[in-house]
Amino acid sequence: MTTTLSPLDYAVISQALIAGAREMGVKLIRSAYSTILREARDGSAGLMDRQGNTVAQAELIPMQLGPIGETLRACLRRHPVDTLEEGDFLINNDPF
């Protein structure tokens, strides 16, 4: 089944997703203990789909978002999508 969105619907949905990612970035910076994150904004925040593809990202350090999909896929191998319930979320801070 293919659904076609009007340009207006597409714009509203895409901007809402980007706003969500931006808000995640703001919360990340506000809650950070790290001076580097708070002052240099050296971090990343993004919304991913269930396969680990980036849907929207905050305007922080974009080069860190390259591997973020693979990081999410590793988390999902440990916590499969089918086991997650509404309200669950995954947070990762593992550089390896």
PDB file of N, CA and C in Angstrom:
ATOM      1  N   MET A   1       0.843  -1.174   0.000  1.00  0.00           N
ATOM      2  CA  MET A   1       0.000   0.000   0.000  1.00  0.00           C
ATOM      3  C   MET A   1       0.889   1.238   0.000  1.00  0.00           C
ATOM      4  N   THR A   2       0.687   2.095  -0.944  1.00  0.00           N
ATOM      5  CA  THR A   2       1.436   3.338  -1.043  1.00  0.00           C
ATOM      6  C   THR A   2       0.514   4.498  -0.711  1.00  0.00           C
ATOM      7  N   THR A   3       0.984   5.353   0.179  1.00  0.00           N
ATOM      8  CA  THR A   3       0.224   6.539   0.536  1.00  0.00           C
ATOM      9  C   THR A   3       0.992   7.761   0.083  1.00  0.00           C
ATOM     10  N   THR A   4       0.330   8.657  -0.600  1.00  0.00           N
ATOM     11  CA  THR A   4       0.956   9.883  -1.063  1.00  0.00           C
ATOM     12  C   THR A   4       0.565  11.027  -0.143  1.00  0.00           C
ATOM     13  N   LEU A   5       1.574  11.720   0.344  1.00  0.00           N
ATOM     14  CA  LEU A   5       1.329  12.888   1.189  1.00  0.00           C
ATOM     15  C   LEU A   5       1.321  14.147   0.344  1.00  0.00           C
ATOM     16  N   SER A   6       0.477  15.060   0.723  1.00  0.00           N
ATOM     17  CA  SER A   6       0.509  16.357   0.063  1.00  0.00           C
ATOM     18  C   SER A   6       1.766  17.086   0.530  1.00  0.00           C
ATOM     19  N   PRO A   7       2.257  18.029  -0.240  1.00  0.00           N
ATOM     20  CA  PRO A   7       3.441  18.790   0.188  1.00  0.00           C
ATOM     21  C   PRO A   7       3.242  19.461   1.549  1.00  0.00           C
ATOM     22  N   LEU A   8       2.034  19.904   1.831  1.00  0.00           N
ATOM     23  CA  LEU A   8       1.755  20.543   3.115  1.00  0.00           C
ATOM     24  C   LEU A   8       1.863  19.524   4.258  1.00  0.00           C
ATOM     25  N   ASP A   9       1.248  18.360   4.096  1.00  0.00           N
ATOM     26  CA  ASP A   9       1.338  17.319   5.124  1.00  0.00           C
ATOM     27  C   ASP A   9       2.784  16.892   5.335  1.00  0.00           C
ATOM     28  N   TYR A  10       3.511  16.734   4.230  1.00  0.00           N
ATOM     29  CA  TYR A  10       4.915  16.343   4.322  1.00  0.00           C
ATOM     30  C   TYR A  10       5.717  17.376   5.117  1.00  0.00           C
ATOM     31  N   ALA A  11       5.498  18.638   4.841  1.00  0.00           N
ATOM     32  CA  ALA A  11       6.222  19.707   5.535  1.00  0.00           C
ATOM     33  C   ALA A  11       5.893  19.718   7.024  1.00  0.00           C
ATOM     34  N   VAL A  12       4.630  19.554   7.358  1.00  0.00           N
ATOM     35  CA  VAL A  12       4.223  19.567   8.767  1.00  0.00           C
ATOM     36  C   VAL A  12       4.842  18.376   9.504  1.00  0.00           C
ATOM     37  N   ILE A  13       4.749  17.185   8.929  1.00  0.00           N
ATOM     38  CA  ILE A  13       5.288  15.988   9.583  1.00  0.00           C
ATOM     39  C   ILE A  13       6.808  16.067   9.705  1.00  0.00           C
ATOM     40  N   SER A  14       7.487  16.464   8.642  1.00  0.00           N
ATOM     41  CA  SER A  14       8.956  16.514   8.699  1.00  0.00           C
ATOM     42  C   SER A  14       9.443  17.558   9.699  1.00  0.00           C
ATOM     43  N   GLN A  15       8.787  18.707   9.748  1.00  0.00           N
ATOM     44  CA  GLN A  15       9.206  19.736  10.703  1.00  0.00           C
ATOM     45  C   GLN A  15       8.903  19.317  12.147  1.00  0.00           C
ATOM     46  N   ALA A  16       7.827  18.561  12.348  1.00  0.00           N
ATOM     47  CA  ALA A  16       7.523  18.054  13.693  1.00  0.00           C
ATOM     48  C   ALA A  16       8.590  17.054  14.143  1.00  0.00           C
ATOM     49  N   LEU A  17       9.034  16.194  13.250  1.00  0.00           N
ATOM     50  CA  LEU A  17      10.088  15.233  13.598  1.00  0.00           C
ATOM     51  C   LEU A  17      11.405  15.950  13.891  1.00  0.00           C
ATOM     52  N   ILE A  18      11.735  16.935  13.083  1.00  0.00           N
ATOM     53  CA  ILE A  18      12.963  17.709  13.319  1.00  0.00           C
ATOM     54  C   ILE A  18      12.865  18.460  14.641  1.00  0.00           C
ATOM     55  N   ALA A  19      11.696  19.011  14.948  1.00  0.00           N
ATOM     56  CA  ALA A  19      11.516  19.716  16.226  1.00  0.00           C
ATOM     57  C   ALA A  19      11.713  18.761  17.397  1.00  0.00           C
ATOM     58  N   GLY A  20      11.241  17.524  17.264  1.00  0.00           N
ATOM     59  CA  GLY A  20      11.451  16.528  18.317  1.00  0.00           C
ATOM     60  C   GLY A  20      12.923  16.229  18.521  1.00  0.00           C
ATOM     61  N   ALA A  21      13.666  16.071  17.429  1.00  0.00           N
ATOM     62  CA  ALA A  21      15.107  15.815  17.523  1.00  0.00           C
ATOM     63  C   ALA A  21      15.834  17.016  18.133  1.00  0.00           C
ATOM     64  N   ARG A  22      15.439  18.213  17.744  1.00  0.00           N
ATOM     65  CA  ARG A  22      16.056  19.418  18.322  1.00  0.00           C
ATOM     66  C   ARG A  22      15.808  19.491  19.821  1.00  0.00           C
ATOM     67  N   GLU A  23      14.596  19.164  20.234  1.00  0.00           N
ATOM     68  CA  GLU A  23      14.264  19.182  21.661  1.00  0.00           C
ATOM     69  C   GLU A  23      15.103  18.150  22.415  1.00  0.00           C
ATOM     70  N   MET A  24      15.335  17.005  21.800  1.00  0.00           N
ATOM     71  CA  MET A  24      16.211  16.005  22.427  1.00  0.00           C
ATOM     72  C   MET A  24      17.603  16.587  22.621  1.00  0.00           C
ATOM     73  N   GLY A  25      18.110  17.285  21.617  1.00  0.00           N
ATOM     74  CA  GLY A  25      19.431  17.909  21.719  1.00  0.00           C
ATOM     75  C   GLY A  25      19.489  18.957  22.816  1.00  0.00           C
ATOM     76  N   VAL A  26      18.429  19.756  22.933  1.00  0.00           N
ATOM     77  CA  VAL A  26      18.367  20.780  23.983  1.00  0.00           C
ATOM     78  C   VAL A  26      18.384  20.118  25.356  1.00  0.00           C
ATOM     79  N   LYS A  27      17.593  19.074  25.532  1.00  0.00           N
ATOM     80  CA  LYS A  27      17.552  18.363  26.821  1.00  0.00           C
ATOM     81  C   LYS A  27      18.897  17.718  27.134  1.00  0.00           C
ATOM     82  N   LEU A  28      19.545  17.176  26.109  1.00  0.00           N
ATOM     83  CA  LEU A  28      20.868  16.571  26.294  1.00  0.00           C
ATOM     84  C   LEU A  28      21.860  17.604  26.812  1.00  0.00           C
ATOM     85  N   ILE A  29      21.889  18.762  26.198  1.00  0.00           N
ATOM     86  CA  ILE A  29      22.828  19.821  26.598  1.00  0.00           C
ATOM     87  C   ILE A  29      22.486  20.364  27.989  1.00  0.00           C
ATOM     88  N   ARG A  30      21.205  20.585  28.252  1.00  0.00           N
ATOM     89  CA  ARG A  30      20.810  21.133  29.558  1.00  0.00           C
ATOM     90  C   ARG A  30      21.120  20.184  30.711  1.00  0.00           C
ATOM     91  N   SER A  31      21.077  18.881  30.452  1.00  0.00           N
ATOM     92  CA  SER A  31      21.292  17.913  31.525  1.00  0.00           C
ATOM     93  C   SER A  31      22.736  17.432  31.616  1.00  0.00           C
ATOM     94  N   ALA A  32      23.594  17.922  30.748  1.00  0.00           N
ATOM     95  CA  ALA A  32      24.976  17.443  30.686  1.00  0.00           C
ATOM     96  C   ALA A  32      25.820  17.962  31.846  1.00  0.00           C
ATOM     97  N   TYR A  33      26.663  17.091  32.349  1.00  0.00           N
ATOM     98  CA  TYR A  33      27.668  17.494  33.332  1.00  0.00           C
ATOM     99  C   TYR A  33      28.952  17.921  32.614  1.00  0.00           C
ATOM    100  N   SER A  34      29.105  17.464  31.387  1.00  0.00           N
ATOM    101  CA  SER A  34      30.316  17.719  30.619  1.00  0.00           C
ATOM    102  C   SER A  34      30.340  19.157  30.088  1.00  0.00           C
ATOM    103  N   THR A  35      31.412  19.860  30.385  1.00  0.00           N
ATOM    104  CA  THR A  35      31.594  21.219  29.866  1.00  0.00           C
ATOM    105  C   THR A  35      31.702  21.188  28.349  1.00  0.00           C
ATOM    106  N   ILE A  36      32.337  20.167  27.822  1.00  0.00           N
ATOM    107  CA  ILE A  36      32.499  20.044  26.370  1.00  0.00           C
ATOM    108  C   ILE A  36      31.135  19.955  25.692  1.00  0.00           C
ATOM    109  N   LEU A  37      30.248  19.172  26.266  1.00  0.00           N
ATOM    110  CA  LEU A  37      28.911  19.061  25.682  1.00  0.00           C
ATOM    111  C   LEU A  37      28.122  20.350  25.861  1.00  0.00           C
ATOM    112  N   ARG A  38      28.169  20.923  27.042  1.00  0.00           N
ATOM    113  CA  ARG A  38      27.385  22.136  27.300  1.00  0.00           C
ATOM    114  C   ARG A  38      27.869  23.324  26.490  1.00  0.00           C
ATOM    115  N   GLU A  39      29.173  23.531  26.400  1.00  0.00           N
ATOM    116  CA  GLU A  39      29.682  24.746  25.752  1.00  0.00           C
ATOM    117  C   GLU A  39      29.995  24.565  24.270  1.00  0.00           C
ATOM    118  N   ALA A  40      30.554  23.415  23.899  1.00  0.00           N
ATOM    119  CA  ALA A  40      30.905  23.196  22.492  1.00  0.00           C
ATOM    120  C   ALA A  40      29.800  22.466  21.734  1.00  0.00           C
ATOM    121  N   ARG A  41      28.766  22.026  22.469  1.00  0.00           N
ATOM    122  CA  ARG A  41      27.663  21.276  21.858  1.00  0.00           C
ATOM    123  C   ARG A  41      28.183  20.038  21.147  1.00  0.00           C
ATOM    124  N   ASP A  42      29.187  19.403  21.775  1.00  0.00           N
ATOM    125  CA  ASP A  42      29.838  18.227  21.194  1.00  0.00           C
ATOM    126  C   ASP A  42      29.068  16.971  21.580  1.00  0.00           C
ATOM    127  N   GLY A  43      27.959  16.766  20.927  1.00  0.00           N
ATOM    128  CA  GLY A  43      27.115  15.606  21.162  1.00  0.00           C
ATOM    129  C   GLY A  43      26.178  15.425  19.986  1.00  0.00           C
ATOM    130  N   SER A  44      25.347  14.412  20.045  1.00  0.00           N
ATOM    131  CA  SER A  44      24.405  14.153  18.958  1.00  0.00           C
ATOM    132  C   SER A  44      23.083  13.674  19.515  1.00  0.00           C
ATOM    133  N   ALA A  45      22.020  13.972  18.805  1.00  0.00           N
ATOM    134  CA  ALA A  45      20.688  13.479  19.138  1.00  0.00           C
ATOM    135  C   ALA A  45      19.932  13.287  17.831  1.00  0.00           C
ATOM    136  N   GLY A  46      19.257  12.170  17.716  1.00  0.00           N
ATOM    137  CA  GLY A  46      18.508  11.917  16.492  1.00  0.00           C
ATOM    138  C   GLY A  46      17.383  10.932  16.725  1.00  0.00           C
ATOM    139  N   LEU A  47      16.399  10.970  15.845  1.00  0.00           N
ATOM    140  CA  LEU A  47      15.298  10.014  15.847  1.00  0.00           C
ATOM    141  C   LEU A  47      15.585   8.978  14.769  1.00  0.00           C
ATOM    142  N   MET A  48      15.426   7.723  15.108  1.00  0.00           N
ATOM    143  CA  MET A  48      15.689   6.626  14.180  1.00  0.00           C
ATOM    144  C   MET A  48      14.410   5.821  13.946  1.00  0.00           C
ATOM    145  N   ASP A  49      14.344   5.156  12.807  1.00  0.00           N
ATOM    146  CA  ASP A  49      13.232   4.231  12.589  1.00  0.00           C
ATOM    147  C   ASP A  49      13.615   2.868  13.175  1.00  0.00           C
ATOM    148  N   ARG A  50      12.748   1.906  13.041  1.00  0.00           N
ATOM    149  CA  ARG A  50      12.983   0.606  13.674  1.00  0.00           C
ATOM    150  C   ARG A  50      14.137  -0.180  13.049  1.00  0.00           C
ATOM    151  N   GLN A  51      14.638   0.237  11.896  1.00  0.00           N
ATOM    152  CA  GLN A  51      15.805  -0.403  11.292  1.00  0.00           C
ATOM    153  C   GLN A  51      17.106   0.334  11.614  1.00  0.00           C
ATOM    154  N   GLY A  52      17.028   1.453  12.308  1.00  0.00           N
ATOM    155  CA  GLY A  52      18.225   2.207  12.658  1.00  0.00           C
ATOM    156  C   GLY A  52      18.579   3.290  11.660  1.00  0.00           C
ATOM    157  N   ASN A  53      17.675   3.609  10.759  1.00  0.00           N
ATOM    158  CA  ASN A  53      17.910   4.687   9.796  1.00  0.00           C
ATOM    159  C   ASN A  53      17.529   6.025  10.423  1.00  0.00           C
ATOM    160  N   THR A  54      18.314   7.063  10.160  1.00  0.00           N
ATOM    161  CA  THR A  54      18.043   8.383  10.720  1.00  0.00           C
ATOM    162  C   THR A  54      16.812   8.993  10.065  1.00  0.00           C
ATOM    163  N   VAL A  55      15.865   9.433  10.901  1.00  0.00           N
ATOM    164  CA  VAL A  55      14.653  10.089  10.434  1.00  0.00           C
ATOM    165  C   VAL A  55      14.801  11.599  10.593  1.00  0.00           C
ATOM    166  N   ALA A  56      15.355  12.025  11.731  1.00  0.00           N
ATOM    167  CA  ALA A  56      15.572  13.449  12.007  1.00  0.00           C
ATOM    168  C   ALA A  56      16.735  13.567  12.984  1.00  0.00           C
ATOM    169  N   GLN A  57      17.449  14.669  12.896  1.00  0.00           N
ATOM    170  CA  GLN A  57      18.591  14.874  13.786  1.00  0.00           C
ATOM    171  C   GLN A  57      18.669  16.314  14.258  1.00  0.00           C
ATOM    172  N   ALA A  58      19.217  16.480  15.462  1.00  0.00           N
ATOM    173  CA  ALA A  58      19.443  17.819  16.005  1.00  0.00           C
ATOM    174  C   ALA A  58      20.703  18.395  15.370  1.00  0.00           C
ATOM    175  N   GLU A  59      20.789  19.710  15.312  1.00  0.00           N
ATOM    176  CA  GLU A  59      21.951  20.370  14.718  1.00  0.00           C
ATOM    177  C   GLU A  59      23.055  20.526  15.761  1.00  0.00           C
ATOM    178  N   LEU A  60      23.655  19.424  16.125  1.00  0.00           N
ATOM    179  CA  LEU A  60      24.781  19.467  17.055  1.00  0.00           C
ATOM    180  C   LEU A  60      26.039  19.109  16.267  1.00  0.00           C
ATOM    181  N   ILE A  61      26.653  17.984  16.529  1.00  0.00           N
ATOM    182  CA  ILE A  61      27.845  17.555  15.790  1.00  0.00           C
ATOM    183  C   ILE A  61      27.415  16.461  14.804  1.00  0.00           C
ATOM    184  N   PRO A  62      27.182  16.791  13.537  1.00  0.00           N
ATOM    185  CA  PRO A  62      26.622  15.815  12.600  1.00  0.00           C
ATOM    186  C   PRO A  62      27.531  14.628  12.310  1.00  0.00           C
ATOM    187  N   MET A  63      28.854  14.787  12.448  1.00  0.00           N
ATOM    188  CA  MET A  63      29.740  13.659  12.130  1.00  0.00           C
ATOM    189  C   MET A  63      29.534  12.499  13.097  1.00  0.00           C
ATOM    190  N   GLN A  64      28.991  12.769  14.282  1.00  0.00           N
ATOM    191  CA  GLN A  64      28.726  11.687  15.223  1.00  0.00           C
ATOM    192  C   GLN A  64      27.486  10.900  14.837  1.00  0.00           C
ATOM    193  N   LEU A  65      26.663  11.446  13.971  1.00  0.00           N
ATOM    194  CA  LEU A  65      25.442  10.753  13.573  1.00  0.00           C
ATOM    195  C   LEU A  65      25.699   9.695  12.511  1.00  0.00           C
ATOM    196  N   GLY A  66      26.881   9.654  11.929  1.00  0.00           N
ATOM    197  CA  GLY A  66      27.199   8.613  10.951  1.00  0.00           C
ATOM    198  C   GLY A  66      27.037   7.216  11.525  1.00  0.00           C
ATOM    199  N   PRO A  67      27.696   6.925  12.639  1.00  0.00           N
ATOM    200  CA  PRO A  67      27.590   5.574  13.209  1.00  0.00           C
ATOM    201  C   PRO A  67      26.394   5.356  14.131  1.00  0.00           C
ATOM    202  N   ILE A  68      25.551   6.360  14.305  1.00  0.00           N
ATOM    203  CA  ILE A  68      24.476   6.224  15.284  1.00  0.00           C
ATOM    204  C   ILE A  68      23.478   5.124  14.897  1.00  0.00           C
ATOM    205  N   GLY A  69      23.256   4.935  13.618  1.00  0.00           N
ATOM    206  CA  GLY A  69      22.350   3.872  13.173  1.00  0.00           C
ATOM    207  C   GLY A  69      22.895   2.499  13.528  1.00  0.00           C
ATOM    208  N   GLU A  70      24.180   2.299  13.329  1.00  0.00           N
ATOM    209  CA  GLU A  70      24.785   1.004  13.680  1.00  0.00           C
ATOM    210  C   GLU A  70      24.783   0.796  15.185  1.00  0.00           C
ATOM    211  N   THR A  71      24.971   1.869  15.938  1.00  0.00           N
ATOM    212  CA  THR A  71      24.898   1.781  17.399  1.00  0.00           C
ATOM    213  C   THR A  71      23.502   1.355  17.831  1.00  0.00           C
ATOM    214  N   LEU A  72      22.471   1.942  17.219  1.00  0.00           N
ATOM    215  CA  LEU A  72      21.096   1.557  17.544  1.00  0.00           C
ATOM    216  C   LEU A  72      20.844   0.105  17.157  1.00  0.00           C
ATOM    217  N   ARG A  73      21.338  -0.325  16.000  1.00  0.00           N
ATOM    218  CA  ARG A  73      21.134  -1.717  15.591  1.00  0.00           C
ATOM    219  C   ARG A  73      21.748  -2.679  16.598  1.00  0.00           C
ATOM    220  N   ALA A  74      22.914  -2.318  17.164  1.00  0.00           N
ATOM    221  CA  ALA A  74      23.528  -3.164  18.201  1.00  0.00           C
ATOM    222  C   ALA A  74      22.639  -3.209  19.447  1.00  0.00           C
ATOM    223  N   CYS A  75      22.061  -2.072  19.830  1.00  0.00           N
ATOM    224  CA  CYS A  75      21.135  -2.038  20.976  1.00  0.00           C
ATOM    225  C   CYS A  75      19.904  -2.890  20.696  1.00  0.00           C
ATOM    226  N   LEU A  76      19.397  -2.822  19.464  1.00  0.00           N
ATOM    227  CA  LEU A  76      18.192  -3.573  19.117  1.00  0.00           C
ATOM    228  C   LEU A  76      18.445  -5.076  19.040  1.00  0.00           C
ATOM    229  N   ARG A  77      19.671  -5.490  18.816  1.00  0.00           N
ATOM    230  CA  ARG A  77      19.979  -6.917  18.879  1.00  0.00           C
ATOM    231  C   ARG A  77      19.832  -7.416  20.320  1.00  0.00           C
ATOM    232  N   ARG A  78      20.141  -6.549  21.259  1.00  0.00           N
ATOM    233  CA  ARG A  78      20.024  -6.901  22.683  1.00  0.00           C
ATOM    234  C   ARG A  78      18.598  -6.698  23.200  1.00  0.00           C
ATOM    235  N   HIS A  79      17.919  -5.673  22.693  1.00  0.00           N
ATOM    236  CA  HIS A  79      16.542  -5.348  23.088  1.00  0.00           C
ATOM    237  C   HIS A  79      15.709  -5.211  21.815  1.00  0.00           C
ATOM    238  N   PRO A  80      15.234  -6.332  21.247  1.00  0.00           N
ATOM    239  CA  PRO A  80      14.498  -6.278  19.978  1.00  0.00           C
ATOM    240  C   PRO A  80      13.276  -5.365  20.035  1.00  0.00           C
ATOM    241  N   VAL A  81      12.952  -4.774  18.893  1.00  0.00           N
ATOM    242  CA  VAL A  81      11.828  -3.846  18.784  1.00  0.00           C
ATOM    243  C   VAL A  81      10.544  -4.483  19.319  1.00  0.00           C
ATOM    244  N   ASP A  82      10.344  -5.760  19.034  1.00  0.00           N
ATOM    245  CA  ASP A  82       9.108  -6.429  19.450  1.00  0.00           C
ATOM    246  C   ASP A  82       8.974  -6.549  20.969  1.00  0.00           C
ATOM    247  N   THR A  83      10.075  -6.398  21.709  1.00  0.00           N
ATOM    248  CA  THR A  83      10.005  -6.490  23.172  1.00  0.00           C
ATOM    249  C   THR A  83       9.787  -5.127  23.823  1.00  0.00           C
ATOM    250  N   LEU A  84       9.921  -4.065  23.052  1.00  0.00           N
ATOM    251  CA  LEU A  84       9.748  -2.712  23.589  1.00  0.00           C
ATOM    252  C   LEU A  84       8.263  -2.386  23.701  1.00  0.00           C
ATOM    253  N   GLU A  85       7.936  -1.635  24.721  1.00  0.00           N
ATOM    254  CA  GLU A  85       6.556  -1.216  24.932  1.00  0.00           C
ATOM    255  C   GLU A  85       6.455   0.302  24.816  1.00  0.00           C
ATOM    256  N   GLU A  86       5.246   0.803  24.669  1.00  0.00           N
ATOM    257  CA  GLU A  86       5.050   2.240  24.565  1.00  0.00           C
ATOM    258  C   GLU A  86       5.674   2.935  25.772  1.00  0.00           C
ATOM    259  N   GLY A  87       6.434   3.984  25.492  1.00  0.00           N
ATOM    260  CA  GLY A  87       7.118   4.717  26.556  1.00  0.00           C
ATOM    261  C   GLY A  87       8.557   4.263  26.772  1.00  0.00           C
ATOM    262  N   ASP A  88       8.938   3.093  26.234  1.00  0.00           N
ATOM    263  CA  ASP A  88      10.324   2.639  26.336  1.00  0.00           C
ATOM    264  C   ASP A  88      11.198   3.457  25.405  1.00  0.00           C
ATOM    265  N   PHE A  89      12.445   3.654  25.789  1.00  0.00           N
ATOM    266  CA  PHE A  89      13.403   4.308  24.913  1.00  0.00           C
ATOM    267  C   PHE A  89      14.782   3.765  25.231  1.00  0.00           C
ATOM    268  N   LEU A  90      15.683   3.901  24.283  1.00  0.00           N
ATOM    269  CA  LEU A  90      17.047   3.410  24.436  1.00  0.00           C
ATOM    270  C   LEU A  90      17.991   4.593  24.485  1.00  0.00           C
ATOM    271  N   ILE A  91      18.887   4.580  25.461  1.00  0.00           N
ATOM    272  CA  ILE A  91      19.925   5.597  25.578  1.00  0.00           C
ATOM    273  C   ILE A  91      21.250   4.874  25.524  1.00  0.00           C
ATOM    274  N   ASN A  92      22.184   5.409  24.760  1.00  0.00           N
ATOM    275  CA  ASN A  92      23.482   4.767  24.630  1.00  0.00           C
ATOM    276  C   ASN A  92      24.571   5.802  24.785  1.00  0.00           C
ATOM    277  N   ASN A  93      25.591   5.447  25.538  1.00  0.00           N
ATOM    278  CA  ASN A  93      26.745   6.331  25.703  1.00  0.00           C
ATOM    279  C   ASN A  93      28.014   5.487  25.686  1.00  0.00           C
ATOM    280  N   ASP A  94      28.110   4.589  24.713  1.00  0.00           N
ATOM    281  CA  ASP A  94      29.229   3.668  24.615  1.00  0.00           C
ATOM    282  C   ASP A  94      30.049   4.000  23.362  1.00  0.00           C
ATOM    283  N   PRO A  95      31.232   4.575  23.526  1.00  0.00           N
ATOM    284  CA  PRO A  95      32.012   4.958  22.345  1.00  0.00           C
ATOM    285  C   PRO A  95      32.595   3.772  21.587  1.00  0.00           C
ATOM    286  N   PHE A  96      32.485   2.582  22.129  1.00  0.00           N
ATOM    287  CA  PHE A  96      33.043   1.412  21.459  1.00  0.00           C
ATOM    288  C   PHE A  96      31.956   0.564  20.840  1.00  0.00           C
TER     289      PHE A  96
END
